[in-house]
C-alpha cells in the first residue's frame, strides 16, 4: 500500500533523538524554573525577528528584531518536530493493519486529549490553567505515540503479526 502522508522510516530514529532532547530541556525548565539570567537560559537570549513582542511595562513591537529569550521556543519546536517525526514515520512494513492501528490510536488520542482538557476546564482555574493549556499543545501527539507503540508491542507479543 502506497501511503503518501507519512515520513520515511529513517525519520523515526531522528524523531526520537529530537523528542528526547526536547523532553530533557522541557523537564529542566520545569524543575529549575525559568529565569533569563540563570543557568542555561542566559545562552538563549539573542536578537531575533519577532512577529509580535508584548510584555508588561515594555513597548509592543511588531515585525522587527528584538532581544528575546528563545529557550521556550526551542523546546517547543523540538517537542513538536520530534513528536511529528516519531508519530508519522512509516514502520518498516507499513500495511493496512498498521494503518488501522495508526488511525485507531489517533482517534483514541484525540478523545483522551479532549477529555483531559474538559476536566481541566471544569476543575482548574487561574495561573495553573495556563500550564494545562501549555501542556495540552503537546499531549495529543504524546498520547498518540504512547498508544500506537503500545498497540504495536501488544501485536508483536501476541504473534498476530508477521514481519
N, C-alpha and C. Protein backbone atom coordinates (compact mmCIF):
# COMPACT_ATOMS: atom_id res chain seq x y z
N UNK A 1 0.84 -1.18 0.00
CA UNK A 1 0.00 0.00 0.00
C UNK A 1 0.89 1.24 0.00
N UNK A 2 0.61 2.17 -0.88
CA UNK A 2 1.40 3.39 -1.01
C UNK A 2 0.75 4.49 -0.17
N UNK A 3 1.43 4.90 0.91
CA UNK A 3 0.94 5.96 1.77
C UNK A 3 1.81 7.19 1.54
N UNK A 4 1.19 8.28 1.15
CA UNK A 4 1.94 9.46 0.77
C UNK A 4 2.15 10.45 1.90
N UNK A 5 1.36 10.37 2.96
CA UNK A 5 1.41 11.38 4.00
C UNK A 5 2.34 11.05 5.17
N UNK A 6 3.03 9.94 5.12
CA UNK A 6 3.95 9.56 6.19
C UNK A 6 5.39 9.86 5.80
N UNK A 7 6.20 10.17 6.80
CA UNK A 7 7.64 10.37 6.59
C UNK A 7 8.30 9.01 6.33
N UNK A 8 9.46 9.00 5.69
CA UNK A 8 10.20 7.74 5.53
C UNK A 8 10.56 7.16 6.91
N UNK A 9 10.78 5.85 6.96
CA UNK A 9 11.06 5.15 8.21
C UNK A 9 12.28 5.71 8.95
N UNK A 10 13.31 6.17 8.23
CA UNK A 10 14.53 6.68 8.88
C UNK A 10 14.25 7.89 9.76
N UNK A 11 13.14 8.61 9.51
CA UNK A 11 12.81 9.78 10.32
C UNK A 11 12.41 9.38 11.74
N UNK A 12 12.03 8.12 11.95
CA UNK A 12 11.61 7.67 13.26
C UNK A 12 12.73 7.81 14.28
N UNK A 13 13.92 7.32 13.95
CA UNK A 13 15.05 7.40 14.89
C UNK A 13 15.47 8.85 15.11
N UNK A 14 15.51 9.63 14.05
CA UNK A 14 15.85 11.05 14.18
C UNK A 14 14.82 11.73 15.07
N UNK A 15 13.55 11.41 14.87
CA UNK A 15 12.47 11.98 15.68
C UNK A 15 12.62 11.67 17.15
N UNK A 16 12.98 10.42 17.47
CA UNK A 16 13.17 10.05 18.88
C UNK A 16 14.30 10.86 19.51
N UNK A 17 15.39 11.06 18.77
CA UNK A 17 16.51 11.85 19.30
C UNK A 17 16.06 13.28 19.56
N UNK A 18 15.40 13.89 18.59
CA UNK A 18 14.93 15.27 18.73
C UNK A 18 13.92 15.37 19.88
N UNK A 19 12.99 14.41 19.96
CA UNK A 19 11.97 14.41 21.01
C UNK A 19 12.60 14.27 22.39
N UNK A 20 13.56 13.39 22.55
CA UNK A 20 14.20 13.19 23.85
C UNK A 20 14.98 14.44 24.28
N UNK A 21 15.67 15.08 23.34
CA UNK A 21 16.38 16.32 23.67
C UNK A 21 15.36 17.38 24.12
N UNK A 22 14.25 17.50 23.40
CA UNK A 22 13.21 18.45 23.79
C UNK A 22 12.61 18.14 25.15
N UNK A 23 12.38 16.85 25.43
CA UNK A 23 11.85 16.46 26.74
C UNK A 23 12.82 16.79 27.87
N UNK A 24 14.10 16.51 27.66
CA UNK A 24 15.11 16.83 28.68
C UNK A 24 15.15 18.33 28.94
N UNK A 25 15.16 19.12 27.86
CA UNK A 25 15.18 20.58 28.03
C UNK A 25 13.90 21.07 28.71
N UNK A 26 12.76 20.50 28.35
CA UNK A 26 11.49 20.90 28.96
C UNK A 26 11.42 20.54 30.43
N UNK A 27 11.87 19.34 30.77
CA UNK A 27 11.88 18.93 32.18
C UNK A 27 12.85 19.79 32.98
N UNK A 28 13.99 20.12 32.39
CA UNK A 28 14.94 21.02 33.04
C UNK A 28 14.28 22.35 33.38
N UNK A 29 13.52 22.88 32.43
CA UNK A 29 12.83 24.15 32.64
C UNK A 29 11.76 24.03 33.73
N UNK A 30 11.04 22.91 33.76
CA UNK A 30 10.02 22.71 34.79
C UNK A 30 10.63 22.59 36.18
N UNK A 31 11.72 21.85 36.27
CA UNK A 31 12.34 21.60 37.58
C UNK A 31 13.04 22.85 38.12
N UNK A 32 13.73 23.58 37.25
CA UNK A 32 14.53 24.71 37.69
C UNK A 32 13.83 26.05 37.61
N UNK A 33 12.66 26.10 37.03
CA UNK A 33 12.00 27.38 36.83
C UNK A 33 12.70 28.12 35.70
N UNK A 34 12.07 29.15 35.20
CA UNK A 34 12.65 29.87 34.07
C UNK A 34 13.10 31.24 34.54
N UNK A 35 14.40 31.48 34.47
CA UNK A 35 14.98 32.78 34.78
C UNK A 35 15.97 33.10 33.67
N UNK A 36 15.75 34.22 32.98
CA UNK A 36 16.58 34.56 31.83
C UNK A 36 18.04 34.79 32.18
N UNK A 37 18.34 35.00 33.45
CA UNK A 37 19.72 35.30 33.84
C UNK A 37 20.44 34.13 34.47
N UNK A 38 19.72 33.06 34.82
CA UNK A 38 20.33 31.92 35.50
C UNK A 38 20.47 30.73 34.56
N UNK A 39 21.45 29.90 34.88
CA UNK A 39 21.61 28.62 34.20
C UNK A 39 21.80 28.72 32.71
N UNK A 40 21.28 27.74 32.04
CA UNK A 40 21.44 27.62 30.59
C UNK A 40 20.63 28.67 29.83
N UNK A 41 19.61 29.23 30.46
CA UNK A 41 18.71 30.15 29.78
C UNK A 41 19.43 31.39 29.23
N UNK A 42 20.46 31.85 29.94
CA UNK A 42 21.14 33.07 29.51
C UNK A 42 21.79 32.93 28.13
N UNK A 43 22.07 31.71 27.71
CA UNK A 43 22.69 31.48 26.41
C UNK A 43 21.67 31.54 25.26
N UNK A 44 20.41 31.60 25.60
CA UNK A 44 19.37 31.61 24.59
C UNK A 44 18.77 33.00 24.38
N UNK A 45 19.33 34.01 25.00
CA UNK A 45 18.85 35.38 24.81
C UNK A 45 19.60 35.99 23.64
N UNK A 46 18.88 36.20 22.55
CA UNK A 46 19.50 36.68 21.32
C UNK A 46 18.59 37.71 20.64
N UNK A 47 19.17 38.42 19.67
CA UNK A 47 18.36 39.26 18.80
C UNK A 47 17.69 38.35 17.78
N UNK A 48 16.38 38.42 17.73
CA UNK A 48 15.61 37.51 16.90
C UNK A 48 14.46 38.25 16.26
N UNK A 49 14.11 37.88 15.03
CA UNK A 49 12.99 38.52 14.36
C UNK A 49 11.69 38.01 14.98
N UNK A 50 10.85 38.94 15.42
CA UNK A 50 9.58 38.58 16.05
C UNK A 50 8.42 39.17 15.26
N UNK A 51 7.32 38.45 15.23
CA UNK A 51 6.10 38.99 14.63
C UNK A 51 5.42 39.94 15.61
N UNK A 52 5.44 39.52 16.90
CA UNK A 52 4.74 40.31 17.91
C UNK A 52 5.45 40.12 19.23
N UNK A 53 5.85 41.21 19.84
CA UNK A 53 6.55 41.19 21.13
C UNK A 53 5.80 42.14 22.04
N UNK A 54 5.28 41.61 23.17
CA UNK A 54 4.50 42.44 24.08
C UNK A 54 4.62 41.90 25.49
N UNK A 55 5.33 42.62 26.33
CA UNK A 55 5.47 42.26 27.73
C UNK A 55 5.05 43.44 28.58
N UNK A 56 4.59 43.19 29.81
CA UNK A 56 4.21 44.31 30.68
C UNK A 56 5.37 45.29 30.85
N UNK A 57 5.03 46.56 30.87
CA UNK A 57 5.98 47.66 31.08
C UNK A 57 6.99 47.81 29.95
N UNK A 58 6.70 47.21 28.81
CA UNK A 58 7.56 47.36 27.64
C UNK A 58 6.70 47.74 26.44
N UNK A 59 7.33 48.40 25.52
CA UNK A 59 6.62 48.81 24.31
C UNK A 59 6.34 47.59 23.43
N UNK A 60 5.14 47.53 22.88
CA UNK A 60 4.80 46.46 21.94
C UNK A 60 5.59 46.64 20.66
N UNK A 61 6.05 45.55 20.10
CA UNK A 61 6.81 45.58 18.86
C UNK A 61 6.20 44.61 17.88
N UNK A 62 6.20 45.01 16.60
CA UNK A 62 5.64 44.17 15.55
C UNK A 62 6.63 44.07 14.40
N UNK A 63 6.87 42.87 13.91
CA UNK A 63 7.68 42.61 12.72
C UNK A 63 9.03 43.32 12.75
N UNK A 64 9.81 43.00 13.74
CA UNK A 64 11.15 43.57 13.83
C UNK A 64 12.04 42.69 14.70
N UNK A 65 13.32 43.00 14.69
CA UNK A 65 14.25 42.28 15.55
C UNK A 65 14.14 42.81 16.97
N UNK A 66 14.21 41.90 17.92
CA UNK A 66 14.14 42.27 19.32
C UNK A 66 14.98 41.29 20.12
N UNK A 67 15.46 41.71 21.26
CA UNK A 67 16.26 40.83 22.12
C UNK A 67 15.30 40.00 22.96
N UNK A 68 15.26 38.71 22.67
CA UNK A 68 14.33 37.80 23.34
C UNK A 68 15.06 36.53 23.75
N UNK A 69 14.46 35.82 24.69
CA UNK A 69 14.99 34.52 25.09
C UNK A 69 14.20 33.45 24.34
N UNK A 70 14.89 32.69 23.51
CA UNK A 70 14.23 31.71 22.65
C UNK A 70 14.23 30.29 23.23
N UNK A 71 14.60 30.14 24.51
CA UNK A 71 14.67 28.81 25.11
C UNK A 71 13.35 28.06 24.96
N UNK A 72 12.25 28.68 25.37
CA UNK A 72 10.95 28.01 25.30
C UNK A 72 10.55 27.72 23.86
N UNK A 73 10.91 28.60 22.93
CA UNK A 73 10.61 28.36 21.52
C UNK A 73 11.41 27.17 21.00
N UNK A 74 12.65 27.04 21.43
CA UNK A 74 13.48 25.90 21.02
C UNK A 74 12.90 24.60 21.58
N UNK A 75 12.52 24.62 22.86
CA UNK A 75 11.94 23.42 23.48
C UNK A 75 10.65 23.03 22.76
N UNK A 76 9.77 23.98 22.54
CA UNK A 76 8.51 23.70 21.85
C UNK A 76 8.73 23.16 20.44
N UNK A 77 9.67 23.76 19.73
CA UNK A 77 9.97 23.31 18.37
C UNK A 77 10.51 21.89 18.37
N UNK A 78 11.43 21.59 19.28
CA UNK A 78 11.97 20.23 19.37
C UNK A 78 10.88 19.22 19.70
N UNK A 79 10.00 19.56 20.64
CA UNK A 79 8.92 18.64 21.01
C UNK A 79 7.96 18.40 19.85
N UNK A 80 7.59 19.46 19.15
CA UNK A 80 6.64 19.31 18.04
C UNK A 80 7.27 18.56 16.88
N UNK A 81 8.45 18.98 16.46
CA UNK A 81 9.10 18.33 15.31
C UNK A 81 9.42 16.87 15.64
N UNK A 82 9.99 16.62 16.82
CA UNK A 82 10.31 15.24 17.20
C UNK A 82 9.07 14.38 17.29
N UNK A 83 8.01 14.89 17.90
CA UNK A 83 6.77 14.12 18.02
C UNK A 83 6.15 13.82 16.66
N UNK A 84 6.14 14.80 15.78
CA UNK A 84 5.58 14.57 14.44
C UNK A 84 6.39 13.51 13.69
N UNK A 85 7.71 13.57 13.81
CA UNK A 85 8.55 12.59 13.12
C UNK A 85 8.33 11.19 13.67
N UNK A 86 8.23 11.07 14.99
CA UNK A 86 8.00 9.76 15.61
C UNK A 86 6.61 9.24 15.27
N UNK A 87 5.62 10.11 15.39
CA UNK A 87 4.23 9.69 15.20
C UNK A 87 3.92 9.33 13.76
N UNK A 88 4.50 10.07 12.82
CA UNK A 88 4.08 9.91 11.44
C UNK A 88 5.20 9.45 10.51
N UNK A 89 6.09 8.61 11.04
CA UNK A 89 7.08 7.93 10.20
C UNK A 89 6.56 6.53 9.91
N UNK A 90 6.83 6.07 8.70
CA UNK A 90 6.40 4.73 8.33
C UNK A 90 7.09 3.69 9.20
N UNK A 91 6.42 2.59 9.41
CA UNK A 91 7.03 1.43 10.02
C UNK A 91 7.83 0.70 8.94
N UNK A 92 8.68 -0.25 9.36
CA UNK A 92 9.45 -0.99 8.35
C UNK A 92 8.52 -1.64 7.34
N UNK A 93 7.47 -2.24 7.85
CA UNK A 93 6.45 -2.85 6.99
C UNK A 93 5.13 -2.13 7.26
N UNK A 94 4.81 -1.16 6.45
CA UNK A 94 3.57 -0.39 6.61
C UNK A 94 2.49 -1.05 5.75
N UNK A 95 1.47 -1.62 6.41
CA UNK A 95 0.39 -2.27 5.68
C UNK A 95 -0.95 -1.78 6.20
N UNK A 96 -2.03 -2.42 5.76
CA UNK A 96 -3.37 -2.00 6.16
C UNK A 96 -3.61 -2.17 7.65
N UNK A 97 -3.04 -3.21 8.25
CA UNK A 97 -3.23 -3.44 9.67
C UNK A 97 -2.54 -2.35 10.50
N UNK A 98 -1.34 -1.97 10.10
CA UNK A 98 -0.63 -0.88 10.78
C UNK A 98 -1.40 0.42 10.59
N UNK A 99 -1.92 0.64 9.39
CA UNK A 99 -2.71 1.85 9.12
C UNK A 99 -3.95 1.88 10.01
N UNK A 100 -4.56 0.72 10.23
CA UNK A 100 -5.74 0.64 11.11
C UNK A 100 -5.35 0.99 12.54
N UNK A 101 -4.24 0.44 13.02
CA UNK A 101 -3.77 0.75 14.38
C UNK A 101 -3.44 2.23 14.49
N UNK A 102 -2.82 2.79 13.45
CA UNK A 102 -2.46 4.21 13.44
C UNK A 102 -3.73 5.07 13.56
N UNK A 103 -4.75 4.76 12.76
CA UNK A 103 -5.99 5.52 12.79
C UNK A 103 -6.70 5.39 14.13
N UNK A 104 -6.81 4.16 14.64
CA UNK A 104 -7.47 3.95 15.93
C UNK A 104 -6.72 4.68 17.05
N UNK A 105 -5.40 4.68 16.99
CA UNK A 105 -4.60 5.37 18.00
C UNK A 105 -4.79 6.87 17.93
N UNK A 106 -4.90 7.39 16.73
CA UNK A 106 -5.11 8.83 16.57
C UNK A 106 -6.48 9.24 17.10
N UNK A 107 -7.50 8.46 16.81
CA UNK A 107 -8.84 8.75 17.33
C UNK A 107 -8.84 8.64 18.85
N UNK A 108 -8.25 7.59 19.38
CA UNK A 108 -8.17 7.40 20.83
C UNK A 108 -7.43 8.57 21.49
N UNK A 109 -6.30 8.98 20.91
CA UNK A 109 -5.52 10.10 21.46
C UNK A 109 -6.32 11.39 21.45
N UNK A 110 -7.11 11.59 20.41
CA UNK A 110 -7.94 12.79 20.34
C UNK A 110 -8.99 12.77 21.45
N UNK A 111 -9.66 11.65 21.63
CA UNK A 111 -10.63 11.53 22.72
C UNK A 111 -10.00 11.79 24.08
N UNK A 112 -8.90 11.12 24.37
CA UNK A 112 -8.24 11.26 25.67
C UNK A 112 -7.79 12.70 25.87
N UNK A 113 -7.20 13.28 24.84
CA UNK A 113 -6.72 14.66 24.94
C UNK A 113 -7.85 15.62 25.32
N UNK A 114 -8.98 15.49 24.65
CA UNK A 114 -10.07 16.41 24.92
C UNK A 114 -10.82 16.09 26.21
N UNK A 115 -10.81 14.86 26.65
CA UNK A 115 -11.36 14.54 27.97
C UNK A 115 -10.51 15.20 29.05
N UNK A 116 -9.19 15.10 28.92
CA UNK A 116 -8.30 15.77 29.88
C UNK A 116 -8.53 17.27 29.85
N UNK A 117 -8.66 17.85 28.67
CA UNK A 117 -8.90 19.29 28.55
C UNK A 117 -10.24 19.67 29.16
N UNK A 118 -11.27 18.88 28.93
CA UNK A 118 -12.58 19.14 29.51
C UNK A 118 -12.52 19.11 31.04
N UNK A 119 -11.83 18.13 31.59
CA UNK A 119 -11.67 18.05 33.05
C UNK A 119 -10.94 19.30 33.56
N UNK A 120 -9.92 19.75 32.81
CA UNK A 120 -9.18 20.95 33.21
C UNK A 120 -10.09 22.18 33.16
N UNK A 121 -10.92 22.29 32.13
CA UNK A 121 -11.86 23.42 32.05
C UNK A 121 -12.77 23.48 33.26
N UNK A 122 -13.18 22.33 33.75
CA UNK A 122 -14.12 22.28 34.85
C UNK A 122 -13.43 22.49 36.21
N UNK A 123 -12.23 21.93 36.39
CA UNK A 123 -11.64 21.87 37.72
C UNK A 123 -10.38 22.69 37.94
N UNK A 124 -9.79 23.29 36.92
CA UNK A 124 -8.53 24.02 37.07
C UNK A 124 -8.77 25.49 36.72
N UNK A 125 -8.36 26.40 37.63
CA UNK A 125 -8.58 27.82 37.42
C UNK A 125 -7.32 28.61 37.72
N UNK A 126 -7.28 29.83 37.21
CA UNK A 126 -6.18 30.74 37.49
C UNK A 126 -4.93 30.38 36.69
N UNK A 127 -3.78 30.73 37.26
CA UNK A 127 -2.49 30.51 36.60
C UNK A 127 -2.23 29.04 36.26
N UNK A 128 -2.62 28.07 37.10
CA UNK A 128 -2.39 26.67 36.72
C UNK A 128 -3.09 26.28 35.41
N UNK A 129 -4.20 26.95 35.08
CA UNK A 129 -4.89 26.63 33.83
C UNK A 129 -4.00 26.97 32.63
N UNK A 130 -3.21 28.03 32.76
CA UNK A 130 -2.27 28.39 31.70
C UNK A 130 -1.28 27.25 31.47
N UNK A 131 -0.79 26.64 32.55
CA UNK A 131 0.11 25.48 32.42
C UNK A 131 -0.58 24.31 31.73
N UNK A 132 -1.83 24.07 32.08
CA UNK A 132 -2.59 23.00 31.43
C UNK A 132 -2.68 23.25 29.93
N UNK A 133 -2.94 24.49 29.55
CA UNK A 133 -3.04 24.82 28.13
C UNK A 133 -1.69 24.65 27.42
N UNK A 134 -0.61 25.00 28.10
CA UNK A 134 0.72 24.80 27.52
C UNK A 134 0.99 23.31 27.27
N UNK A 135 0.71 22.49 28.27
CA UNK A 135 0.93 21.05 28.12
C UNK A 135 0.00 20.46 27.06
N UNK A 136 -1.22 20.99 26.98
CA UNK A 136 -2.20 20.46 26.06
C UNK A 136 -1.79 20.61 24.59
N UNK A 137 -0.89 21.54 24.31
CA UNK A 137 -0.40 21.68 22.93
C UNK A 137 0.32 20.42 22.46
N UNK A 138 0.90 19.70 23.39
CA UNK A 138 1.75 18.56 23.03
C UNK A 138 1.10 17.21 23.32
N UNK A 139 0.09 17.18 24.18
CA UNK A 139 -0.40 15.90 24.68
C UNK A 139 -1.06 15.03 23.62
N UNK A 140 -1.71 15.60 22.62
CA UNK A 140 -2.37 14.74 21.64
C UNK A 140 -1.33 13.90 20.89
N UNK A 141 -0.19 14.50 20.56
CA UNK A 141 0.87 13.73 19.90
C UNK A 141 1.48 12.71 20.87
N UNK A 142 1.68 13.11 22.13
CA UNK A 142 2.24 12.17 23.12
C UNK A 142 1.30 10.99 23.34
N UNK A 143 0.01 11.28 23.52
CA UNK A 143 -0.97 10.20 23.70
C UNK A 143 -0.97 9.27 22.49
N UNK A 144 -0.89 9.84 21.28
CA UNK A 144 -0.87 9.02 20.08
C UNK A 144 0.36 8.12 20.05
N UNK A 145 1.54 8.69 20.31
CA UNK A 145 2.79 7.92 20.27
C UNK A 145 2.74 6.77 21.27
N UNK A 146 2.26 7.06 22.47
CA UNK A 146 2.18 6.03 23.52
C UNK A 146 1.23 4.92 23.09
N UNK A 147 0.04 5.29 22.66
CA UNK A 147 -0.96 4.27 22.29
C UNK A 147 -0.52 3.47 21.06
N UNK A 148 -0.03 4.15 20.04
CA UNK A 148 0.37 3.46 18.81
C UNK A 148 1.48 2.45 19.09
N UNK A 149 2.50 2.87 19.83
CA UNK A 149 3.61 1.96 20.13
C UNK A 149 3.17 0.85 21.07
N UNK A 150 2.29 1.13 22.01
CA UNK A 150 1.75 0.10 22.90
C UNK A 150 1.02 -0.97 22.10
N UNK A 151 0.21 -0.53 21.14
CA UNK A 151 -0.54 -1.48 20.30
C UNK A 151 0.41 -2.31 19.43
N UNK A 152 1.47 -1.68 18.91
CA UNK A 152 2.44 -2.44 18.12
C UNK A 152 3.15 -3.49 18.96
N UNK A 153 3.51 -3.13 20.18
CA UNK A 153 4.17 -4.09 21.09
C UNK A 153 3.22 -5.24 21.42
N UNK A 154 1.97 -4.91 21.75
CA UNK A 154 0.99 -5.96 22.05
C UNK A 154 0.79 -6.89 20.86
N UNK A 155 0.71 -6.32 19.68
CA UNK A 155 0.50 -7.11 18.46
C UNK A 155 1.67 -8.06 18.24
N UNK A 156 2.89 -7.57 18.40
CA UNK A 156 4.07 -8.41 18.16
C UNK A 156 4.21 -9.49 19.22
N UNK A 157 3.87 -9.16 20.48
CA UNK A 157 3.94 -10.18 21.55
C UNK A 157 2.89 -11.26 21.35
N UNK A 158 1.74 -10.88 20.86
CA UNK A 158 0.67 -11.85 20.66
C UNK A 158 0.93 -12.74 19.45
N UNK A 159 1.88 -12.35 18.63
CA UNK A 159 2.19 -13.14 17.44
C UNK A 159 1.16 -13.02 16.34
N UNK A 160 0.34 -11.98 16.43
CA UNK A 160 -0.71 -11.76 15.41
C UNK A 160 -0.17 -11.13 14.16
N UNK A 161 1.09 -10.80 14.17
CA UNK A 161 1.63 -10.04 13.04
C UNK A 161 2.98 -10.60 12.67
N UNK A 162 3.18 -10.84 11.41
CA UNK A 162 4.46 -11.34 10.94
C UNK A 162 5.12 -10.27 10.10
N UNK A 163 6.41 -10.02 10.38
CA UNK A 163 7.13 -9.00 9.61
C UNK A 163 7.76 -9.61 8.39
